[in-house]
Amino acid sequence: MLNICDSHLLGKNISENDLTINISKNYYGDKIVEKKEAITLLKNCSIINMVGKETISLSLSLGIGAQQSIKTIDSVPFLIVFKM
């Protein structure tokens, strides 16, 4: 399982209506990775929880995930992918 987000979102809470996501450093920020490593991680993980425009854009460019599956909270996109 991979939890990955745009680095500028670390430590933020995003809310809309009754839904809130805490983008905690404990959950998403074990380490900061460069794009090349992010690509490897995205390709090799079977369950991916991602938040942020840059991360999701990279994932979609690799054919991982679908545009219609992206949800947003307070204009911040998130996407969960289960590879079968």
PDB file of N, CA and C in Angstrom:
ATOM      1  N   MET A   1       0.850  -1.182   0.000  1.00  0.00           N
ATOM      2  CA  MET A   1       0.000   0.000   0.000  1.00  0.00           C
ATOM      3  C   MET A   1       0.885   1.231   0.000  1.00  0.00           C
ATOM      4  N   LEU A   2       0.544   2.176  -0.851  1.00  0.00           N
ATOM      5  CA  LEU A   2       1.286   3.429  -0.971  1.00  0.00           C
ATOM      6  C   LEU A   2       0.371   4.592  -0.632  1.00  0.00           C
ATOM      7  N   ASN A   3       0.808   5.441   0.285  1.00  0.00           N
ATOM      8  CA  ASN A   3       0.146   6.708   0.593  1.00  0.00           C
ATOM      9  C   ASN A   3       1.079   7.795   0.086  1.00  0.00           C
ATOM     10  N   ILE A   4       0.602   8.598  -0.851  1.00  0.00           N
ATOM     11  CA  ILE A   4       1.470   9.592  -1.483  1.00  0.00           C
ATOM     12  C   ILE A   4       0.669  10.866  -1.745  1.00  0.00           C
ATOM     13  N   CYS A   5       1.342  12.011  -1.559  1.00  0.00           N
ATOM     14  CA  CYS A   5       0.659  13.284  -1.789  1.00  0.00           C
ATOM     15  C   CYS A   5       1.659  14.326  -2.274  1.00  0.00           C
ATOM     16  N   ASP A   6       1.132  15.436  -2.755  1.00  0.00           N
ATOM     17  CA  ASP A   6       1.967  16.579  -3.098  1.00  0.00           C
ATOM     18  C   ASP A   6       2.596  17.097  -1.806  1.00  0.00           C
ATOM     19  N   SER A   7       3.877  17.371  -1.828  1.00  0.00           N
ATOM     20  CA  SER A   7       4.592  17.738  -0.599  1.00  0.00           C
ATOM     21  C   SER A   7       4.042  18.997   0.067  1.00  0.00           C
ATOM     22  N   HIS A   8       3.535  19.946  -0.714  1.00  0.00           N
ATOM     23  CA  HIS A   8       3.028  21.191  -0.112  1.00  0.00           C
ATOM     24  C   HIS A   8       1.727  20.975   0.676  1.00  0.00           C
ATOM     25  N   LEU A   9       1.112  19.804   0.537  1.00  0.00           N
ATOM     26  CA  LEU A   9      -0.119  19.517   1.270  1.00  0.00           C
ATOM     27  C   LEU A   9       0.129  18.889   2.634  1.00  0.00           C
ATOM     28  N   LEU A  10       1.351  18.431   2.882  1.00  0.00           N
ATOM     29  CA  LEU A  10       1.662  17.775   4.160  1.00  0.00           C
ATOM     30  C   LEU A  10       1.327  18.679   5.349  1.00  0.00           C
ATOM     31  N   GLY A  11       0.641  18.101   6.317  1.00  0.00           N
ATOM     32  CA  GLY A  11       0.290  18.836   7.531  1.00  0.00           C
ATOM     33  C   GLY A  11      -0.981  19.650   7.436  1.00  0.00           C
ATOM     34  N   LYS A  12      -1.652  19.612   6.292  1.00  0.00           N
ATOM     35  CA  LYS A  12      -2.870  20.401   6.121  1.00  0.00           C
ATOM     36  C   LYS A  12      -4.114  19.555   6.361  1.00  0.00           C
ATOM     37  N   ASN A  13      -5.163  20.228   6.760  1.00  0.00           N
ATOM     38  CA  ASN A  13      -6.488  19.633   6.844  1.00  0.00           C
ATOM     39  C   ASN A  13      -7.321  20.259   5.745  1.00  0.00           C
ATOM     40  N   ILE A  14      -8.022  19.428   4.997  1.00  0.00           N
ATOM     41  CA  ILE A  14      -8.928  19.963   3.981  1.00  0.00           C
ATOM     42  C   ILE A  14     -10.340  19.513   4.342  1.00  0.00           C
ATOM     43  N   SER A  15     -11.278  20.421   4.194  1.00  0.00           N
ATOM     44  CA  SER A  15     -12.665  20.136   4.597  1.00  0.00           C
ATOM     45  C   SER A  15     -13.636  20.681   3.578  1.00  0.00           C
ATOM     46  N   GLU A  16     -14.737  19.957   3.456  1.00  0.00           N
ATOM     47  CA  GLU A  16     -15.857  20.425   2.652  1.00  0.00           C
ATOM     48  C   GLU A  16     -17.102  19.728   3.170  1.00  0.00           C
ATOM     49  N   ASN A  17     -18.088  20.498   3.529  1.00  0.00           N
ATOM     50  CA  ASN A  17     -19.307  19.960   4.136  1.00  0.00           C
ATOM     51  C   ASN A  17     -18.935  19.127   5.360  1.00  0.00           C
ATOM     52  N   ASP A  18     -19.348  17.875   5.408  1.00  0.00           N
ATOM     53  CA  ASP A  18     -19.069  17.027   6.573  1.00  0.00           C
ATOM     54  C   ASP A  18     -17.824  16.162   6.405  1.00  0.00           C
ATOM     55  N   LEU A  19     -17.076  16.358   5.338  1.00  0.00           N
ATOM     56  CA  LEU A  19     -15.915  15.515   5.049  1.00  0.00           C
ATOM     57  C   LEU A  19     -14.622  16.280   5.301  1.00  0.00           C
ATOM     58  N   THR A  20     -13.719  15.667   6.061  1.00  0.00           N
ATOM     59  CA  THR A  20     -12.417  16.260   6.363  1.00  0.00           C
ATOM     60  C   THR A  20     -11.328  15.220   6.164  1.00  0.00           C
ATOM     61  N   ILE A  21     -10.232  15.638   5.547  1.00  0.00           N
ATOM     62  CA  ILE A  21      -9.058  14.780   5.424  1.00  0.00           C
ATOM     63  C   ILE A  21      -7.889  15.492   6.079  1.00  0.00           C
ATOM     64  N   ASN A  22      -7.219  14.778   6.976  1.00  0.00           N
ATOM     65  CA  ASN A  22      -6.005  15.275   7.611  1.00  0.00           C
ATOM     66  C   ASN A  22      -4.827  14.678   6.844  1.00  0.00           C
ATOM     67  N   ILE A  23      -4.101  15.507   6.153  1.00  0.00           N
ATOM     68  CA  ILE A  23      -2.957  15.037   5.365  1.00  0.00           C
ATOM     69  C   ILE A  23      -1.734  15.111   6.283  1.00  0.00           C
ATOM     70  N   SER A  24      -1.688  14.152   7.190  1.00  0.00           N
ATOM     71  CA  SER A  24      -0.663  14.177   8.238  1.00  0.00           C
ATOM     72  C   SER A  24       0.689  13.682   7.740  1.00  0.00           C
ATOM     73  N   LYS A  25       1.733  14.222   8.349  1.00  0.00           N
ATOM     74  CA  LYS A  25       3.090  13.787   8.029  1.00  0.00           C
ATOM     75  C   LYS A  25       3.306  12.337   8.446  1.00  0.00           C
ATOM     76  N   ASN A  26       2.637  11.894   9.503  1.00  0.00           N
ATOM     77  CA  ASN A  26       2.765  10.499   9.946  1.00  0.00           C
ATOM     78  C   ASN A  26       2.219   9.525   8.909  1.00  0.00           C
ATOM     79  N   TYR A  27       1.132   9.894   8.245  1.00  0.00           N
ATOM     80  CA  TYR A  27       0.484   8.988   7.298  1.00  0.00           C
ATOM     81  C   TYR A  27       1.055   9.120   5.883  1.00  0.00           C
ATOM     82  N   TYR A  28       1.225  10.343   5.409  1.00  0.00           N
ATOM     83  CA  TYR A  28       1.670  10.569   4.038  1.00  0.00           C
ATOM     84  C   TYR A  28       3.150  10.918   3.906  1.00  0.00           C
ATOM     85  N   GLY A  29       3.763  11.407   4.959  1.00  0.00           N
ATOM     86  CA  GLY A  29       5.075  12.002   4.808  1.00  0.00           C
ATOM     87  C   GLY A  29       6.237  11.254   5.407  1.00  0.00           C
ATOM     88  N   ASP A  30       6.254   9.943   5.278  1.00  0.00           N
ATOM     89  CA  ASP A  30       7.382   9.172   5.806  1.00  0.00           C
ATOM     90  C   ASP A  30       8.694   9.678   5.218  1.00  0.00           C
ATOM     91  N   LYS A  31       8.667   9.998   3.918  1.00  0.00           N
ATOM     92  CA  LYS A  31       9.835  10.608   3.283  1.00  0.00           C
ATOM     93  C   LYS A  31       9.405  11.319   2.011  1.00  0.00           C
ATOM     94  N   ILE A  32      10.177  12.308   1.622  1.00  0.00           N
ATOM     95  CA  ILE A  32       9.953  13.041   0.377  1.00  0.00           C
ATOM     96  C   ILE A  32      10.696  12.292  -0.727  1.00  0.00           C
ATOM     97  N   VAL A  33       9.995  12.017  -1.831  1.00  0.00           N
ATOM     98  CA  VAL A  33      10.628  11.290  -2.931  1.00  0.00           C
ATOM     99  C   VAL A  33      10.665  12.156  -4.185  1.00  0.00           C
ATOM    100  N   GLU A  34      11.662  11.914  -4.994  1.00  0.00           N
ATOM    101  CA  GLU A  34      11.774  12.586  -6.288  1.00  0.00           C
ATOM    102  C   GLU A  34      10.825  11.913  -7.274  1.00  0.00           C
ATOM    103  N   LYS A  35      10.586  12.553  -8.407  1.00  0.00           N
ATOM    104  CA  LYS A  35       9.645  12.065  -9.406  1.00  0.00           C
ATOM    105  C   LYS A  35       9.984  10.649  -9.871  1.00  0.00           C
ATOM    106  N   LYS A  36      11.248  10.358 -10.106  1.00  0.00           N
ATOM    107  CA  LYS A  36      11.654   9.037 -10.595  1.00  0.00           C
ATOM    108  C   LYS A  36      11.262   7.942  -9.602  1.00  0.00           C
ATOM    109  N   GLU A  37      11.495   8.187  -8.318  1.00  0.00           N
ATOM    110  CA  GLU A  37      11.126   7.205  -7.306  1.00  0.00           C
ATOM    111  C   GLU A  37       9.611   7.104  -7.172  1.00  0.00           C
ATOM    112  N   ALA A  38       8.918   8.228  -7.291  1.00  0.00           N
ATOM    113  CA  ALA A  38       7.455   8.219  -7.226  1.00  0.00           C
ATOM    114  C   ALA A  38       6.883   7.357  -8.350  1.00  0.00           C
ATOM    115  N   ILE A  39       7.460   7.461  -9.539  1.00  0.00           N
ATOM    116  CA  ILE A  39       7.014   6.645 -10.677  1.00  0.00           C
ATOM    117  C   ILE A  39       7.180   5.163 -10.361  1.00  0.00           C
ATOM    118  N   THR A  40       8.320   4.790  -9.828  1.00  0.00           N
ATOM    119  CA  THR A  40       8.569   3.389  -9.471  1.00  0.00           C
ATOM    120  C   THR A  40       7.574   2.906  -8.434  1.00  0.00           C
ATOM    121  N   LEU A  41       7.339   3.712  -7.412  1.00  0.00           N
ATOM    122  CA  LEU A  41       6.384   3.340  -6.359  1.00  0.00           C
ATOM    123  C   LEU A  41       4.968   3.188  -6.917  1.00  0.00           C
ATOM    124  N   LEU A  42       4.551   4.139  -7.727  1.00  0.00           N
ATOM    125  CA  LEU A  42       3.209   4.087  -8.304  1.00  0.00           C
ATOM    126  C   LEU A  42       3.032   2.848  -9.180  1.00  0.00           C
ATOM    127  N   LYS A  43       4.038   2.512  -9.948  1.00  0.00           N
ATOM    128  CA  LYS A  43       3.952   1.347 -10.833  1.00  0.00           C
ATOM    129  C   LYS A  43       3.917   0.032 -10.062  1.00  0.00           C
ATOM    130  N   ASN A  44       4.574  -0.027  -8.909  1.00  0.00           N
ATOM    131  CA  ASN A  44       4.754  -1.293  -8.212  1.00  0.00           C
ATOM    132  C   ASN A  44       3.785  -1.562  -7.065  1.00  0.00           C
ATOM    133  N   CYS A  45       2.997  -0.595  -6.676  1.00  0.00           N
ATOM    134  CA  CYS A  45       2.068  -0.800  -5.557  1.00  0.00           C
ATOM    135  C   CYS A  45       0.691  -1.198  -6.071  1.00  0.00           C
ATOM    136  N   SER A  46       0.021  -2.058  -5.318  1.00  0.00           N
ATOM    137  CA  SER A  46      -1.293  -2.527  -5.754  1.00  0.00           C
ATOM    138  C   SER A  46      -2.441  -1.709  -5.156  1.00  0.00           C
ATOM    139  N   ILE A  47      -2.191  -1.022  -4.052  1.00  0.00           N
ATOM    140  CA  ILE A  47      -3.190  -0.139  -3.456  1.00  0.00           C
ATOM    141  C   ILE A  47      -2.522   1.222  -3.264  1.00  0.00           C
ATOM    142  N   ILE A  48      -3.134   2.257  -3.834  1.00  0.00           N
ATOM    143  CA  ILE A  48      -2.529   3.591  -3.777  1.00  0.00           C
ATOM    144  C   ILE A  48      -3.573   4.595  -3.299  1.00  0.00           C
ATOM    145  N   ASN A  49      -3.211   5.353  -2.281  1.00  0.00           N
ATOM    146  CA  ASN A  49      -4.025   6.426  -1.736  1.00  0.00           C
ATOM    147  C   ASN A  49      -3.267   7.709  -2.024  1.00  0.00           C
ATOM    148  N   MET A  50      -3.800   8.553  -2.907  1.00  0.00           N
ATOM    149  CA  MET A  50      -3.047   9.746  -3.307  1.00  0.00           C
ATOM    150  C   MET A  50      -3.883  11.019  -3.209  1.00  0.00           C
ATOM    151  N   VAL A  51      -3.180  12.121  -2.901  1.00  0.00           N
ATOM    152  CA  VAL A  51      -3.819  13.423  -2.760  1.00  0.00           C
ATOM    153  C   VAL A  51      -2.952  14.472  -3.440  1.00  0.00           C
ATOM    154  N   GLY A  52      -3.586  15.337  -4.218  1.00  0.00           N
ATOM    155  CA  GLY A  52      -2.879  16.460  -4.827  1.00  0.00           C
ATOM    156  C   GLY A  52      -2.838  16.383  -6.348  1.00  0.00           C
ATOM    157  N   LYS A  53      -2.864  17.553  -6.971  1.00  0.00           N
ATOM    158  CA  LYS A  53      -2.901  17.646  -8.430  1.00  0.00           C
ATOM    159  C   LYS A  53      -1.668  17.037  -9.089  1.00  0.00           C
ATOM    160  N   GLU A  54      -0.487  17.324  -8.561  1.00  0.00           N
ATOM    161  CA  GLU A  54       0.750  16.837  -9.190  1.00  0.00           C
ATOM    162  C   GLU A  54       0.864  15.321  -9.096  1.00  0.00           C
ATOM    163  N   THR A  55       0.576  14.776  -7.933  1.00  0.00           N
ATOM    164  CA  THR A  55       0.664  13.330  -7.721  1.00  0.00           C
ATOM    165  C   THR A  55      -0.332  12.595  -8.603  1.00  0.00           C
ATOM    166  N   ILE A  56      -1.560  13.059  -8.627  1.00  0.00           N
ATOM    167  CA  ILE A  56      -2.593  12.392  -9.419  1.00  0.00           C
ATOM    168  C   ILE A  56      -2.319  12.549 -10.906  1.00  0.00           C
ATOM    169  N   SER A  57      -1.851  13.694 -11.328  1.00  0.00           N
ATOM    170  CA  SER A  57      -1.491  13.895 -12.733  1.00  0.00           C
ATOM    171  C   SER A  57      -0.398  12.915 -13.165  1.00  0.00           C
ATOM    172  N   LEU A  58       0.596  12.728 -12.314  1.00  0.00           N
ATOM    173  CA  LEU A  58       1.670  11.774 -12.612  1.00  0.00           C
ATOM    174  C   LEU A  58       1.089  10.367 -12.730  1.00  0.00           C
ATOM    175  N   SER A  59       0.239   9.991 -11.800  1.00  0.00           N
ATOM    176  CA  SER A  59      -0.372   8.669 -11.816  1.00  0.00           C
ATOM    177  C   SER A  59      -1.178   8.446 -13.094  1.00  0.00           C
ATOM    178  N   LEU A  60      -2.002   9.414 -13.463  1.00  0.00           N
ATOM    179  CA  LEU A  60      -2.801   9.289 -14.680  1.00  0.00           C
ATOM    180  C   LEU A  60      -1.928   9.180 -15.923  1.00  0.00           C
ATOM    181  N   SER A  61      -0.814   9.911 -15.945  1.00  0.00           N
ATOM    182  CA  SER A  61       0.095   9.851 -17.097  1.00  0.00           C
ATOM    183  C   SER A  61       0.730   8.472 -17.253  1.00  0.00           C
ATOM    184  N   LEU A  62       0.756   7.707 -16.157  1.00  0.00           N
ATOM    185  CA  LEU A  62       1.293   6.344 -16.185  1.00  0.00           C
ATOM    186  C   LEU A  62       0.201   5.314 -16.476  1.00  0.00           C
ATOM    187  N   GLY A  63      -1.027   5.776 -16.661  1.00  0.00           N
ATOM    188  CA  GLY A  63      -2.140   4.872 -16.910  1.00  0.00           C
ATOM    189  C   GLY A  63      -2.686   4.245 -15.644  1.00  0.00           C
ATOM    190  N   ILE A  64      -2.396   4.858 -14.505  1.00  0.00           N
ATOM    191  CA  ILE A  64      -2.851   4.352 -13.207  1.00  0.00           C
ATOM    192  C   ILE A  64      -3.971   5.257 -12.707  1.00  0.00           C
ATOM    193  N   GLY A  65      -5.162   4.682 -12.571  1.00  0.00           N
ATOM    194  CA  GLY A  65      -6.310   5.461 -12.142  1.00  0.00           C
ATOM    195  C   GLY A  65      -7.084   5.995 -13.329  1.00  0.00           C
ATOM    196  N   ALA A  66      -8.214   6.594 -13.047  1.00  0.00           N
ATOM    197  CA  ALA A  66      -9.082   7.143 -14.090  1.00  0.00           C
ATOM    198  C   ALA A  66      -9.575   8.521 -13.678  1.00  0.00           C
ATOM    199  N   GLN A  67      -9.618   9.419 -14.642  1.00  0.00           N
ATOM    200  CA  GLN A  67     -10.044  10.795 -14.401  1.00  0.00           C
ATOM    201  C   GLN A  67     -11.418  10.841 -13.730  1.00  0.00           C
ATOM    202  N   GLN A  68     -12.328   9.983 -14.170  1.00  0.00           N
ATOM    203  CA  GLN A  68     -13.686  10.009 -13.623  1.00  0.00           C
ATOM    204  C   GLN A  68     -13.768   9.504 -12.186  1.00  0.00           C
ATOM    205  N   SER A  69     -12.707   8.903 -11.671  1.00  0.00           N
ATOM    206  CA  SER A  69     -12.688   8.401 -10.291  1.00  0.00           C
ATOM    207  C   SER A  69     -12.136   9.410  -9.299  1.00  0.00           C
ATOM    208  N   ILE A  70     -11.619  10.517  -9.777  1.00  0.00           N
ATOM    209  CA  ILE A  70     -11.045  11.540  -8.902  1.00  0.00           C
ATOM    210  C   ILE A  70     -12.161  12.291  -8.182  1.00  0.00           C
ATOM    211  N   LYS A  71     -12.021  12.421  -6.879  1.00  0.00           N
ATOM    212  CA  LYS A  71     -12.941  13.206  -6.059  1.00  0.00           C
ATOM    213  C   LYS A  71     -12.188  14.436  -5.564  1.00  0.00           C
ATOM    214  N   THR A  72     -12.906  15.459  -5.183  1.00  0.00           N
ATOM    215  CA  THR A  72     -12.257  16.657  -4.646  1.00  0.00           C
ATOM    216  C   THR A  72     -12.892  17.054  -3.322  1.00  0.00           C
ATOM    217  N   ILE A  73     -12.046  17.578  -2.465  1.00  0.00           N
ATOM    218  CA  ILE A  73     -12.484  18.182  -1.215  1.00  0.00           C
ATOM    219  C   ILE A  73     -11.820  19.551  -1.166  1.00  0.00           C
ATOM    220  N   ASP A  74     -12.612  20.585  -1.100  1.00  0.00           N
ATOM    221  CA  ASP A  74     -12.103  21.955  -1.064  1.00  0.00           C
ATOM    222  C   ASP A  74     -11.098  22.199  -2.196  1.00  0.00           C
ATOM    223  N   SER A  75     -11.433  21.738  -3.391  1.00  0.00           N
ATOM    224  CA  SER A  75     -10.636  21.888  -4.612  1.00  0.00           C
ATOM    225  C   SER A  75      -9.349  21.072  -4.628  1.00  0.00           C
ATOM    226  N   VAL A  76      -9.140  20.204  -3.649  1.00  0.00           N
ATOM    227  CA  VAL A  76      -7.953  19.340  -3.608  1.00  0.00           C
ATOM    228  C   VAL A  76      -8.381  17.941  -4.063  1.00  0.00           C
ATOM    229  N   PRO A  77      -7.790  17.437  -5.159  1.00  0.00           N
ATOM    230  CA  PRO A  77      -8.186  16.123  -5.641  1.00  0.00           C
ATOM    231  C   PRO A  77      -7.575  14.984  -4.829  1.00  0.00           C
ATOM    232  N   PHE A  78      -8.341  13.897  -4.713  1.00  0.00           N
ATOM    233  CA  PHE A  78      -7.815  12.675  -4.121  1.00  0.00           C
ATOM    234  C   PHE A  78      -8.321  11.491  -4.914  1.00  0.00           C
ATOM    235  N   LEU A  79      -7.548  10.426  -4.887  1.00  0.00           N
ATOM    236  CA  LEU A  79      -7.853   9.247  -5.683  1.00  0.00           C
ATOM    237  C   LEU A  79      -7.304   8.016  -4.964  1.00  0.00           C
ATOM    238  N   ILE A  80      -8.116   6.981  -4.900  1.00  0.00           N
ATOM    239  CA  ILE A  80      -7.686   5.703  -4.344  1.00  0.00           C
ATOM    240  C   ILE A  80      -7.768   4.679  -5.473  1.00  0.00           C
ATOM    241  N   VAL A  81      -6.679   3.927  -5.649  1.00  0.00           N
ATOM    242  CA  VAL A  81      -6.604   2.945  -6.736  1.00  0.00           C
ATOM    243  C   VAL A  81      -6.316   1.562  -6.141  1.00  0.00           C
ATOM    244  N   PHE A  82      -7.085   0.589  -6.597  1.00  0.00           N
ATOM    245  CA  PHE A  82      -6.840  -0.827  -6.274  1.00  0.00           C
ATOM    246  C   PHE A  82      -6.540  -1.520  -7.583  1.00  0.00           C
ATOM    247  N   LYS A  83      -5.320  -1.972  -7.758  1.00  0.00           N
ATOM    248  CA  LYS A  83      -4.961  -2.695  -8.983  1.00  0.00           C
ATOM    249  C   LYS A  83      -5.342  -4.159  -8.814  1.00  0.00           C
ATOM    250  N   MET A  84      -5.975  -4.706  -9.843  1.00  0.00           N
ATOM    251  CA  MET A  84      -6.380  -6.120  -9.802  1.00  0.00           C
ATOM    252  C   MET A  84      -5.440  -6.952 -10.648  1.00  0.00           C
TER     253      MET A  84
END
